[in-house]
Amino acid sequence: MSSGRFPDRFPADVTIEDVDLDETEVFVGGERLTEARAAELAAATLREVRARNLVPGRKSLGRDGSHSPTIQVRVPADLRAAAEKRAEADQVSVSAVVRRALESYLAL
C-alpha cells in the first residue's frame, strides 16, 4: 500500500465494517467525521476528479488520444483464472496481460 492512497487489497487479518458516522466517533486529522462531512468530502473528491477529467479505465492507447477500440472474447474459467494470476504477479490489469499475449501471438 502506498502512502496516501487507498489500497487495492487488504491483508487477510483486516476487518472492514460499515459504520454509522453519526453514532460512532471517528476522527480524521483531528476533525470528527460525520455522515454529512463524509458526503461533503466524497462530493468534493468527485468534483476534483471530474475537473481533472479523470475517468475510470485506461487512457487512450492511440498516439493521437483517440478512443481505443475494444475486443470482447469469451474464455474458459481456467484461462480467465490464469490471466488474473499472471496480472496479479505482474501488477497489471487482465487487459494488459491479454494485450501482451495478443501482441506476442501476432508478433507485433
PDB file of N, CA and C in Angstrom:
ATOM      1  N   MET A   1       0.858  -1.176   0.000  1.00  0.00           N
ATOM      2  CA  MET A   1       0.000   0.000   0.000  1.00  0.00           C
ATOM      3  C   MET A   1       0.891   1.221   0.000  1.00  0.00           C
ATOM      4  N   SER A   2       0.663   2.129  -0.927  1.00  0.00           N
ATOM      5  CA  SER A   2       1.454   3.344  -0.977  1.00  0.00           C
ATOM      6  C   SER A   2       0.813   4.423  -0.119  1.00  0.00           C
ATOM      7  N   SER A   3       1.642   5.306   0.377  1.00  0.00           N
ATOM      8  CA  SER A   3       1.198   6.342   1.302  1.00  0.00           C
ATOM      9  C   SER A   3       0.164   7.259   0.668  1.00  0.00           C
ATOM     10  N   GLY A   4      -0.929   7.510   1.404  1.00  0.00           N
ATOM     11  CA  GLY A   4      -1.929   8.448   0.940  1.00  0.00           C
ATOM     12  C   GLY A   4      -2.914   7.899  -0.075  1.00  0.00           C
ATOM     13  N   ARG A   5      -2.822   6.637  -0.388  1.00  0.00           N
ATOM     14  CA  ARG A   5      -3.724   6.043  -1.370  1.00  0.00           C
ATOM     15  C   ARG A   5      -4.478   4.899  -0.737  1.00  0.00           C
ATOM     16  N   PHE A   6      -5.692   4.687  -1.208  1.00  0.00           N
ATOM     17  CA  PHE A   6      -6.497   3.568  -0.729  1.00  0.00           C
ATOM     18  C   PHE A   6      -5.929   2.296  -1.330  1.00  0.00           C
ATOM     19  N   PRO A   7      -5.701   1.261  -0.530  1.00  0.00           N
ATOM     20  CA  PRO A   7      -5.088   0.044  -1.058  1.00  0.00           C
ATOM     21  C   PRO A   7      -6.031  -0.718  -1.982  1.00  0.00           C
ATOM     22  N   ASP A   8      -5.443  -1.432  -2.937  1.00  0.00           N
ATOM     23  CA  ASP A   8      -6.225  -2.294  -3.835  1.00  0.00           C
ATOM     24  C   ASP A   8      -6.726  -3.520  -3.084  1.00  0.00           C
ATOM     25  N   ARG A   9      -5.927  -3.982  -2.148  1.00  0.00           N
ATOM     26  CA  ARG A   9      -6.276  -5.171  -1.376  1.00  0.00           C
ATOM     27  C   ARG A   9      -5.874  -4.945   0.076  1.00  0.00           C
ATOM     28  N   PHE A  10      -6.576  -5.611   0.975  1.00  0.00           N
ATOM     29  CA  PHE A  10      -6.250  -5.554   2.385  1.00  0.00           C
ATOM     30  C   PHE A  10      -5.702  -6.902   2.825  1.00  0.00           C
ATOM     31  N   PRO A  11      -4.820  -6.906   3.836  1.00  0.00           N
ATOM     32  CA  PRO A  11      -4.354  -8.191   4.375  1.00  0.00           C
ATOM     33  C   PRO A  11      -5.533  -9.010   4.903  1.00  0.00           C
ATOM     34  N   ALA A  12      -5.350 -10.318   4.977  1.00  0.00           N
ATOM     35  CA  ALA A  12      -6.422 -11.222   5.385  1.00  0.00           C
ATOM     36  C   ALA A  12      -6.921 -10.947   6.794  1.00  0.00           C
ATOM     37  N   ASP A  13      -6.069 -10.375   7.662  1.00  0.00           N
ATOM     38  CA  ASP A  13      -6.468 -10.140   9.050  1.00  0.00           C
ATOM     39  C   ASP A  13      -7.206  -8.817   9.258  1.00  0.00           C
ATOM     40  N   VAL A  14      -7.454  -8.067   8.195  1.00  0.00           N
ATOM     41  CA  VAL A  14      -8.154  -6.784   8.300  1.00  0.00           C
ATOM     42  C   VAL A  14      -9.661  -7.019   8.227  1.00  0.00           C
ATOM     43  N   THR A  15     -10.395  -6.378   9.144  1.00  0.00           N
ATOM     44  CA  THR A  15     -11.850  -6.463   9.142  1.00  0.00           C
ATOM     45  C   THR A  15     -12.409  -5.131   8.660  1.00  0.00           C
ATOM     46  N   ILE A  16     -13.310  -5.185   7.705  1.00  0.00           N
ATOM     47  CA  ILE A  16     -13.945  -3.983   7.175  1.00  0.00           C
ATOM     48  C   ILE A  16     -15.403  -4.039   7.560  1.00  0.00           C
ATOM     49  N   GLU A  17     -15.889  -2.976   8.169  1.00  0.00           N
ATOM     50  CA  GLU A  17     -17.288  -2.965   8.567  1.00  0.00           C
ATOM     51  C   GLU A  17     -17.913  -1.608   8.268  1.00  0.00           C
ATOM     52  N   ASP A  18     -19.201  -1.620   8.094  1.00  0.00           N
ATOM     53  CA  ASP A  18     -19.976  -0.420   7.850  1.00  0.00           C
ATOM     54  C   ASP A  18     -20.151   0.322   9.173  1.00  0.00           C
ATOM     55  N   VAL A  19     -19.916   1.627   9.180  1.00  0.00           N
ATOM     56  CA  VAL A  19     -20.009   2.402  10.412  1.00  0.00           C
ATOM     57  C   VAL A  19     -20.956   3.572  10.188  1.00  0.00           C
ATOM     58  N   ASP A  20     -21.864   3.782  11.122  1.00  0.00           N
ATOM     59  CA  ASP A  20     -22.716   4.972  11.102  1.00  0.00           C
ATOM     60  C   ASP A  20     -21.918   6.085  11.766  1.00  0.00           C
ATOM     61  N   LEU A  21     -21.422   7.014  10.970  1.00  0.00           N
ATOM     62  CA  LEU A  21     -20.533   8.057  11.480  1.00  0.00           C
ATOM     63  C   LEU A  21     -21.239   9.035  12.424  1.00  0.00           C
ATOM     64  N   ASP A  22     -22.562   9.039  12.421  1.00  0.00           N
ATOM     65  CA  ASP A  22     -23.277   9.897  13.360  1.00  0.00           C
ATOM     66  C   ASP A  22     -23.409   9.243  14.728  1.00  0.00           C
ATOM     67  N   GLU A  23     -23.231   7.928  14.790  1.00  0.00           N
ATOM     68  CA  GLU A  23     -23.311   7.211  16.063  1.00  0.00           C
ATOM     69  C   GLU A  23     -21.937   6.856  16.613  1.00  0.00           C
ATOM     70  N   THR A  24     -20.978   6.609  15.728  1.00  0.00           N
ATOM     71  CA  THR A  24     -19.629   6.226  16.137  1.00  0.00           C
ATOM     72  C   THR A  24     -18.684   7.391  15.905  1.00  0.00           C
ATOM     73  N   GLU A  25     -17.902   7.740  16.920  1.00  0.00           N
ATOM     74  CA  GLU A  25     -16.961   8.844  16.776  1.00  0.00           C
ATOM     75  C   GLU A  25     -15.722   8.380  16.028  1.00  0.00           C
ATOM     76  N   VAL A  26     -15.490   9.005  14.879  1.00  0.00           N
ATOM     77  CA  VAL A  26     -14.313   8.731  14.066  1.00  0.00           C
ATOM     78  C   VAL A  26     -13.659  10.078  13.798  1.00  0.00           C
ATOM     79  N   PHE A  27     -12.350  10.168  14.046  1.00  0.00           N
ATOM     80  CA  PHE A  27     -11.628  11.411  13.837  1.00  0.00           C
ATOM     81  C   PHE A  27     -10.593  11.233  12.736  1.00  0.00           C
ATOM     82  N   VAL A  28     -10.543  12.205  11.832  1.00  0.00           N
ATOM     83  CA  VAL A  28      -9.573  12.198  10.745  1.00  0.00           C
ATOM     84  C   VAL A  28      -8.881  13.552  10.770  1.00  0.00           C
ATOM     85  N   GLY A  29      -7.577  13.544  10.986  1.00  0.00           N
ATOM     86  CA  GLY A  29      -6.836  14.798  11.043  1.00  0.00           C
ATOM     87  C   GLY A  29      -7.341  15.730  12.133  1.00  0.00           C
ATOM     88  N   GLY A  30      -7.805  15.173  13.236  1.00  0.00           N
ATOM     89  CA  GLY A  30      -8.291  15.969  14.354  1.00  0.00           C
ATOM     90  C   GLY A  30      -9.731  16.435  14.215  1.00  0.00           C
ATOM     91  N   GLU A  31     -10.371  16.150  13.086  1.00  0.00           N
ATOM     92  CA  GLU A  31     -11.754  16.561  12.839  1.00  0.00           C
ATOM     93  C   GLU A  31     -12.678  15.350  12.955  1.00  0.00           C
ATOM     94  N   ARG A  32     -13.818  15.544  13.636  1.00  0.00           N
ATOM     95  CA  ARG A  32     -14.787  14.455  13.730  1.00  0.00           C
ATOM     96  C   ARG A  32     -15.440  14.258  12.367  1.00  0.00           C
ATOM     97  N   LEU A  33     -15.446  13.029  11.920  1.00  0.00           N
ATOM     98  CA  LEU A  33     -16.046  12.690  10.643  1.00  0.00           C
ATOM     99  C   LEU A  33     -17.484  12.250  10.886  1.00  0.00           C
ATOM    100  N   THR A  34     -18.431  12.988  10.300  1.00  0.00           N
ATOM    101  CA  THR A  34     -19.851  12.648  10.398  1.00  0.00           C
ATOM    102  C   THR A  34     -20.320  12.180   9.028  1.00  0.00           C
ATOM    103  N   GLU A  35     -21.534  11.657   8.977  1.00  0.00           N
ATOM    104  CA  GLU A  35     -22.095  11.238   7.684  1.00  0.00           C
ATOM    105  C   GLU A  35     -22.148  12.421   6.726  1.00  0.00           C
ATOM    106  N   ALA A  36     -22.560  13.592   7.230  1.00  0.00           N
ATOM    107  CA  ALA A  36     -22.660  14.788   6.383  1.00  0.00           C
ATOM    108  C   ALA A  36     -21.288  15.206   5.871  1.00  0.00           C
ATOM    109  N   ARG A  37     -20.282  15.183   6.763  1.00  0.00           N
ATOM    110  CA  ARG A  37     -18.935  15.589   6.354  1.00  0.00           C
ATOM    111  C   ARG A  37     -18.351  14.586   5.361  1.00  0.00           C
ATOM    112  N   ALA A  38     -18.620  13.293   5.576  1.00  0.00           N
ATOM    113  CA  ALA A  38     -18.148  12.273   4.640  1.00  0.00           C
ATOM    114  C   ALA A  38     -18.774  12.489   3.259  1.00  0.00           C
ATOM    115  N   ALA A  39     -20.046  12.838   3.224  1.00  0.00           N
ATOM    116  CA  ALA A  39     -20.724  13.113   1.950  1.00  0.00           C
ATOM    117  C   ALA A  39     -20.110  14.337   1.276  1.00  0.00           C
ATOM    118  N   GLU A  40     -19.789  15.368   2.063  1.00  0.00           N
ATOM    119  CA  GLU A  40     -19.142  16.571   1.518  1.00  0.00           C
ATOM    120  C   GLU A  40     -17.783  16.224   0.911  1.00  0.00           C
ATOM    121  N   LEU A  41     -16.998  15.441   1.645  1.00  0.00           N
ATOM    122  CA  LEU A  41     -15.678  15.050   1.151  1.00  0.00           C
ATOM    123  C   LEU A  41     -15.789  14.216  -0.124  1.00  0.00           C
ATOM    124  N   ALA A  42     -16.757  13.302  -0.161  1.00  0.00           N
ATOM    125  CA  ALA A  42     -16.959  12.483  -1.354  1.00  0.00           C
ATOM    126  C   ALA A  42     -17.352  13.351  -2.547  1.00  0.00           C
ATOM    127  N   ALA A  43     -18.248  14.310  -2.321  1.00  0.00           N
ATOM    128  CA  ALA A  43     -18.685  15.199  -3.402  1.00  0.00           C
ATOM    129  C   ALA A  43     -17.525  16.064  -3.893  1.00  0.00           C
ATOM    130  N   ALA A  44     -16.712  16.572  -2.966  1.00  0.00           N
ATOM    131  CA  ALA A  44     -15.560  17.394  -3.349  1.00  0.00           C
ATOM    132  C   ALA A  44     -14.560  16.573  -4.157  1.00  0.00           C
ATOM    133  N   THR A  45     -14.347  15.344  -3.754  1.00  0.00           N
ATOM    134  CA  THR A  45     -13.427  14.468  -4.479  1.00  0.00           C
ATOM    135  C   THR A  45     -13.950  14.193  -5.883  1.00  0.00           C
ATOM    136  N   LEU A  46     -15.241  13.921  -5.990  1.00  0.00           N
ATOM    137  CA  LEU A  46     -15.839  13.675  -7.302  1.00  0.00           C
ATOM    138  C   LEU A  46     -15.723  14.909  -8.204  1.00  0.00           C
ATOM    139  N   ARG A  47     -15.950  16.095  -7.633  1.00  0.00           N
ATOM    140  CA  ARG A  47     -15.787  17.331  -8.421  1.00  0.00           C
ATOM    141  C   ARG A  47     -14.356  17.478  -8.920  1.00  0.00           C
ATOM    142  N   GLU A  48     -13.401  17.192  -8.050  1.00  0.00           N
ATOM    143  CA  GLU A  48     -11.992  17.303  -8.435  1.00  0.00           C
ATOM    144  C   GLU A  48     -11.637  16.313  -9.537  1.00  0.00           C
ATOM    145  N   VAL A  49     -12.109  15.100  -9.407  1.00  0.00           N
ATOM    146  CA  VAL A  49     -11.838  14.082 -10.416  1.00  0.00           C
ATOM    147  C   VAL A  49     -12.434  14.492 -11.756  1.00  0.00           C
ATOM    148  N   ARG A  50     -13.663  14.975 -11.721  1.00  0.00           N
ATOM    149  CA  ARG A  50     -14.309  15.396 -12.975  1.00  0.00           C
ATOM    150  C   ARG A  50     -13.615  16.614 -13.570  1.00  0.00           C
ATOM    151  N   ALA A  51     -13.168  17.540 -12.720  1.00  0.00           N
ATOM    152  CA  ALA A  51     -12.482  18.745 -13.208  1.00  0.00           C
ATOM    153  C   ALA A  51     -11.165  18.378 -13.881  1.00  0.00           C
ATOM    154  N   ARG A  52     -10.521  17.337 -13.383  1.00  0.00           N
ATOM    155  CA  ARG A  52      -9.251  16.899 -13.970  1.00  0.00           C
ATOM    156  C   ARG A  52      -9.483  15.887 -15.077  1.00  0.00           C
ATOM    157  N   ASN A  53     -10.769  15.639 -15.380  1.00  0.00           N
ATOM    158  CA  ASN A  53     -11.162  14.731 -16.448  1.00  0.00           C
ATOM    159  C   ASN A  53     -10.604  13.327 -16.246  1.00  0.00           C
ATOM    160  N   LEU A  54     -10.593  12.907 -14.992  1.00  0.00           N
ATOM    161  CA  LEU A  54     -10.146  11.558 -14.702  1.00  0.00           C
ATOM    162  C   LEU A  54     -11.346  10.635 -14.745  1.00  0.00           C
ATOM    163  N   VAL A  55     -11.264   9.645 -15.553  1.00  0.00           N
ATOM    164  CA  VAL A  55     -12.344   8.674 -15.656  1.00  0.00           C
ATOM    165  C   VAL A  55     -11.777   7.295 -15.387  1.00  0.00           C
ATOM    166  N   PRO A  56     -12.600   6.388 -14.889  1.00  0.00           N
ATOM    167  CA  PRO A  56     -12.093   5.036 -14.659  1.00  0.00           C
ATOM    168  C   PRO A  56     -11.620   4.414 -15.960  1.00  0.00           C
ATOM    169  N   GLY A  57     -10.659   3.546 -15.845  1.00  0.00           N
ATOM    170  CA  GLY A  57     -10.152   2.869 -17.033  1.00  0.00           C
ATOM    171  C   GLY A  57      -8.847   3.469 -17.509  1.00  0.00           C
ATOM    172  N   ARG A  58      -8.324   2.854 -18.506  1.00  0.00           N
ATOM    173  CA  ARG A  58      -7.026   3.236 -19.044  1.00  0.00           C
ATOM    174  C   ARG A  58      -7.175   4.403 -20.008  1.00  0.00           C
ATOM    175  N   LYS A  59      -6.131   5.191 -20.103  1.00  0.00           N
ATOM    176  CA  LYS A  59      -6.102   6.267 -21.096  1.00  0.00           C
ATOM    177  C   LYS A  59      -6.046   5.655 -22.492  1.00  0.00           C
ATOM    178  N   SER A  60      -6.303   6.477 -23.477  1.00  0.00           N
ATOM    179  CA  SER A  60      -6.283   6.016 -24.863  1.00  0.00           C
ATOM    180  C   SER A  60      -4.954   5.353 -25.202  1.00  0.00           C
ATOM    181  N   LEU A  61      -5.025   4.286 -25.954  1.00  0.00           N
ATOM    182  CA  LEU A  61      -3.814   3.602 -26.393  1.00  0.00           C
ATOM    183  C   LEU A  61      -3.284   4.184 -27.700  1.00  0.00           C
ATOM    184  N   GLY A  62      -4.096   5.014 -28.360  1.00  0.00           N
ATOM    185  CA  GLY A  62      -3.685   5.628 -29.614  1.00  0.00           C
ATOM    186  C   GLY A  62      -2.759   6.803 -29.382  1.00  0.00           C
ATOM    187  N   ARG A  63      -1.851   7.021 -30.292  1.00  0.00           N
ATOM    188  CA  ARG A  63      -0.905   8.139 -30.155  1.00  0.00           C
ATOM    189  C   ARG A  63      -1.603   9.491 -30.217  1.00  0.00           C
ATOM    190  N   ASP A  64      -2.736   9.535 -30.904  1.00  0.00           N
ATOM    191  CA  ASP A  64      -3.439  10.809 -31.073  1.00  0.00           C
ATOM    192  C   ASP A  64      -4.498  11.046 -29.997  1.00  0.00           C
ATOM    193  N   GLY A  65      -4.601  10.148 -29.022  1.00  0.00           N
ATOM    194  CA  GLY A  65      -5.574  10.313 -27.943  1.00  0.00           C
ATOM    195  C   GLY A  65      -6.983   9.899 -28.316  1.00  0.00           C
ATOM    196  N   SER A  66      -7.156   9.306 -29.484  1.00  0.00           N
ATOM    197  CA  SER A  66      -8.487   8.885 -29.920  1.00  0.00           C
ATOM    198  C   SER A  66      -8.961   7.692 -29.103  1.00  0.00           C
ATOM    199  N   HIS A  67     -10.244   7.410 -29.173  1.00  0.00           N
ATOM    200  CA  HIS A  67     -10.839   6.289 -28.446  1.00  0.00           C
ATOM    201  C   HIS A  67     -10.186   4.984 -28.851  1.00  0.00           C
ATOM    202  N   SER A  68      -9.839   4.177 -27.865  1.00  0.00           N
ATOM    203  CA  SER A  68      -9.252   2.868 -28.142  1.00  0.00           C
ATOM    204  C   SER A  68     -10.360   1.851 -28.378  1.00  0.00           C
ATOM    205  N   PRO A  69     -10.321   1.135 -29.503  1.00  0.00           N
ATOM    206  CA  PRO A  69     -11.348   0.128 -29.758  1.00  0.00           C
ATOM    207  C   PRO A  69     -11.240  -1.017 -28.748  1.00  0.00           C
ATOM    208  N   THR A  70     -12.335  -1.709 -28.535  1.00  0.00           N
ATOM    209  CA  THR A  70     -12.342  -2.834 -27.609  1.00  0.00           C
ATOM    210  C   THR A  70     -12.613  -4.123 -28.369  1.00  0.00           C
ATOM    211  N   ILE A  71     -12.154  -5.219 -27.770  1.00  0.00           N
ATOM    212  CA  ILE A  71     -12.425  -6.558 -28.269  1.00  0.00           C
ATOM    213  C   ILE A  71     -12.940  -7.357 -27.080  1.00  0.00           C
ATOM    214  N   GLN A  72     -14.046  -8.032 -27.254  1.00  0.00           N
ATOM    215  CA  GLN A  72     -14.561  -8.894 -26.194  1.00  0.00           C
ATOM    216  C   GLN A  72     -14.440 -10.335 -26.640  1.00  0.00           C
ATOM    217  N   VAL A  73     -13.989 -11.179 -25.724  1.00  0.00           N
ATOM    218  CA  VAL A  73     -13.887 -12.604 -26.012  1.00  0.00           C
ATOM    219  C   VAL A  73     -14.404 -13.394 -24.818  1.00  0.00           C
ATOM    220  N   ARG A  74     -14.897 -14.581 -25.080  1.00  0.00           N
ATOM    221  CA  ARG A  74     -15.292 -15.498 -24.011  1.00  0.00           C
ATOM    222  C   ARG A  74     -14.186 -16.529 -23.873  1.00  0.00           C
ATOM    223  N   VAL A  75     -13.837 -16.817 -22.627  1.00  0.00           N
ATOM    224  CA  VAL A  75     -12.780 -17.795 -22.358  1.00  0.00           C
ATOM    225  C   VAL A  75     -13.237 -18.750 -21.267  1.00  0.00           C
ATOM    226  N   PRO A  76     -12.644 -19.937 -21.204  1.00  0.00           N
ATOM    227  CA  PRO A  76     -12.969 -20.853 -20.114  1.00  0.00           C
ATOM    228  C   PRO A  76     -12.506 -20.259 -18.775  1.00  0.00           C
ATOM    229  N   ALA A  77     -13.148 -20.697 -17.698  1.00  0.00           N
ATOM    230  CA  ALA A  77     -12.854 -20.165 -16.366  1.00  0.00           C
ATOM    231  C   ALA A  77     -11.388 -20.348 -15.996  1.00  0.00           C
ATOM    232  N   ASP A  78     -10.787 -21.485 -16.372  1.00  0.00           N
ATOM    233  CA  ASP A  78      -9.389 -21.711 -16.000  1.00  0.00           C
ATOM    234  C   ASP A  78      -8.437 -20.761 -16.725  1.00  0.00           C
ATOM    235  N   LEU A  79      -8.779 -20.383 -17.964  1.00  0.00           N
ATOM    236  CA  LEU A  79      -7.957 -19.425 -18.701  1.00  0.00           C
ATOM    237  C   LEU A  79      -8.090 -18.032 -18.078  1.00  0.00           C
ATOM    238  N   ARG A  80      -9.302 -17.677 -17.696  1.00  0.00           N
ATOM    239  CA  ARG A  80      -9.515 -16.396 -17.008  1.00  0.00           C
ATOM    240  C   ARG A  80      -8.720 -16.361 -15.706  1.00  0.00           C
ATOM    241  N   ALA A  81      -8.779 -17.454 -14.930  1.00  0.00           N
ATOM    242  CA  ALA A  81      -8.059 -17.524 -13.654  1.00  0.00           C
ATOM    243  C   ALA A  81      -6.549 -17.398 -13.881  1.00  0.00           C
ATOM    244  N   ALA A  82      -6.044 -18.050 -14.914  1.00  0.00           N
ATOM    245  CA  ALA A  82      -4.611 -17.958 -15.218  1.00  0.00           C
ATOM    246  C   ALA A  82      -4.224 -16.532 -15.602  1.00  0.00           C
ATOM    247  N   ALA A  83      -5.077 -15.870 -16.380  1.00  0.00           N
ATOM    248  CA  ALA A  83      -4.808 -14.477 -16.762  1.00  0.00           C
ATOM    249  C   ALA A  83      -4.825 -13.569 -15.535  1.00  0.00           C
ATOM    250  N   GLU A  84      -5.781 -13.788 -14.619  1.00  0.00           N
ATOM    251  CA  GLU A  84      -5.846 -12.991 -13.396  1.00  0.00           C
ATOM    252  C   GLU A  84      -4.618 -13.223 -12.521  1.00  0.00           C
ATOM    253  N   LYS A  85      -4.176 -14.484 -12.432  1.00  0.00           N
ATOM    254  CA  LYS A  85      -2.989 -14.816 -11.633  1.00  0.00           C
ATOM    255  C   LYS A  85      -1.754 -14.121 -12.212  1.00  0.00           C
ATOM    256  N   ARG A  86      -1.628 -14.156 -13.532  1.00  0.00           N
ATOM    257  CA  ARG A  86      -0.483 -13.503 -14.182  1.00  0.00           C
ATOM    258  C   ARG A  86      -0.546 -11.988 -14.000  1.00  0.00           C
ATOM    259  N   ALA A  87      -1.752 -11.427 -14.126  1.00  0.00           N
ATOM    260  CA  ALA A  87      -1.923  -9.977 -13.947  1.00  0.00           C
ATOM    261  C   ALA A  87      -1.516  -9.559 -12.542  1.00  0.00           C
ATOM    262  N   GLU A  88      -1.926 -10.338 -11.553  1.00  0.00           N
ATOM    263  CA  GLU A  88      -1.566 -10.020 -10.168  1.00  0.00           C
ATOM    264  C   GLU A  88      -0.057 -10.121  -9.971  1.00  0.00           C
ATOM    265  N   ALA A  89       0.551 -11.160 -10.522  1.00  0.00           N
ATOM    266  CA  ALA A  89       2.002 -11.342 -10.387  1.00  0.00           C
ATOM    267  C   ALA A  89       2.769 -10.195 -11.042  1.00  0.00           C
ATOM    268  N   ASP A  90       2.277  -9.736 -12.194  1.00  0.00           N
ATOM    269  CA  ASP A  90       2.930  -8.644 -12.929  1.00  0.00           C
ATOM    270  C   ASP A  90       2.469  -7.263 -12.474  1.00  0.00           C
ATOM    271  N   GLN A  91       1.497  -7.230 -11.569  1.00  0.00           N
ATOM    272  CA  GLN A  91       0.913  -5.977 -11.070  1.00  0.00           C
ATOM    273  C   GLN A  91       0.380  -5.110 -12.209  1.00  0.00           C
ATOM    274  N   VAL A  92      -0.375  -5.772 -13.085  1.00  0.00           N
ATOM    275  CA  VAL A  92      -1.024  -5.079 -14.199  1.00  0.00           C
ATOM    276  C   VAL A  92      -2.468  -5.572 -14.275  1.00  0.00           C
ATOM    277  N   SER A  93      -3.245  -5.006 -15.157  1.00  0.00           N
ATOM    278  CA  SER A  93      -4.629  -5.437 -15.331  1.00  0.00           C
ATOM    279  C   SER A  93      -4.692  -6.685 -16.214  1.00  0.00           C
ATOM    280  N   VAL A  94      -5.823  -7.377 -16.157  1.00  0.00           N
ATOM    281  CA  VAL A  94      -6.039  -8.518 -17.045  1.00  0.00           C
ATOM    282  C   VAL A  94      -5.995  -8.042 -18.498  1.00  0.00           C
ATOM    283  N   SER A  95      -6.517  -6.846 -18.750  1.00  0.00           N
ATOM    284  CA  SER A  95      -6.477  -6.298 -20.111  1.00  0.00           C
ATOM    285  C   SER A  95      -5.041  -6.178 -20.611  1.00  0.00           C
ATOM    286  N   ALA A  96      -4.128  -5.748 -19.749  1.00  0.00           N
ATOM    287  CA  ALA A  96      -2.724  -5.615 -20.147  1.00  0.00           C
ATOM    288  C   ALA A  96      -2.133  -6.984 -20.483  1.00  0.00           C
ATOM    289  N   VAL A  97      -2.481  -7.996 -19.695  1.00  0.00           N
ATOM    290  CA  VAL A  97      -1.999  -9.355 -19.968  1.00  0.00           C
ATOM    291  C   VAL A  97      -2.519  -9.820 -21.332  1.00  0.00           C
ATOM    292  N   VAL A  98      -3.795  -9.594 -21.596  1.00  0.00           N
ATOM    293  CA  VAL A  98      -4.394 -10.017 -22.871  1.00  0.00           C
ATOM    294  C   VAL A  98      -3.756  -9.249 -24.032  1.00  0.00           C
ATOM    295  N   ARG A  99      -3.539  -7.937 -23.859  1.00  0.00           N
ATOM    296  CA  ARG A  99      -2.893  -7.147 -24.917  1.00  0.00           C
ATOM    297  C   ARG A  99      -1.509  -7.704 -25.225  1.00  0.00           C
ATOM    298  N   ARG A 100      -0.732  -7.985 -24.164  1.00  0.00           N
ATOM    299  CA  ARG A 100       0.623  -8.531 -24.358  1.00  0.00           C
ATOM    300  C   ARG A 100       0.572  -9.868 -25.084  1.00  0.00           C
ATOM    301  N   ALA A 101      -0.349 -10.738 -24.682  1.00  0.00           N
ATOM    302  CA  ALA A 101      -0.466 -12.055 -25.310  1.00  0.00           C
ATOM    303  C   ALA A 101      -0.830 -11.919 -26.785  1.00  0.00           C
ATOM    304  N   LEU A 102      -1.771 -11.028 -27.095  1.00  0.00           N
ATOM    305  CA  LEU A 102      -2.191 -10.839 -28.481  1.00  0.00           C
ATOM    306  C   LEU A 102      -1.055 -10.236 -29.312  1.00  0.00           C
ATOM    307  N   GLU A 103      -0.335  -9.266 -28.756  1.00  0.00           N
ATOM    308  CA  GLU A 103       0.791  -8.678 -29.463  1.00  0.00           C
ATOM    309  C   GLU A 103       1.861  -9.733 -29.742  1.00  0.00           C
ATOM    310  N   SER A 104       2.112 -10.598 -28.752  1.00  0.00           N
ATOM    311  CA  SER A 104       3.109 -11.655 -28.923  1.00  0.00           C
ATOM    312  C   SER A 104       2.659 -12.657 -29.990  1.00  0.00           C
ATOM    313  N   TYR A 105       1.395 -13.053 -29.924  1.00  0.00           N
ATOM    314  CA  TYR A 105       0.853 -14.014 -30.881  1.00  0.00           C
ATOM    315  C   TYR A 105       0.923 -13.469 -32.312  1.00  0.00           C
ATOM    316  N   LEU A 106       0.630 -12.190 -32.451  1.00  0.00           N
ATOM    317  CA  LEU A 106       0.637 -11.572 -33.773  1.00  0.00           C
ATOM    318  C   LEU A 106       2.011 -11.029 -34.133  1.00  0.00           C
ATOM    319  N   ALA A 107       2.981 -11.198 -33.217  1.00  0.00           N
ATOM    320  CA  ALA A 107       4.378 -10.757 -33.420  1.00  0.00           C
ATOM    321  C   ALA A 107       4.462  -9.278 -33.798  1.00  0.00           C
ATOM    322  N   LEU A 108       3.769  -8.457 -33.008  1.00  0.00           N
ATOM    323  CA  LEU A 108       3.814  -7.009 -33.244  1.00  0.00           C
ATOM    324  C   LEU A 108       4.908  -6.363 -32.431  1.00  0.00           C
TER     325      LEU A 108
END
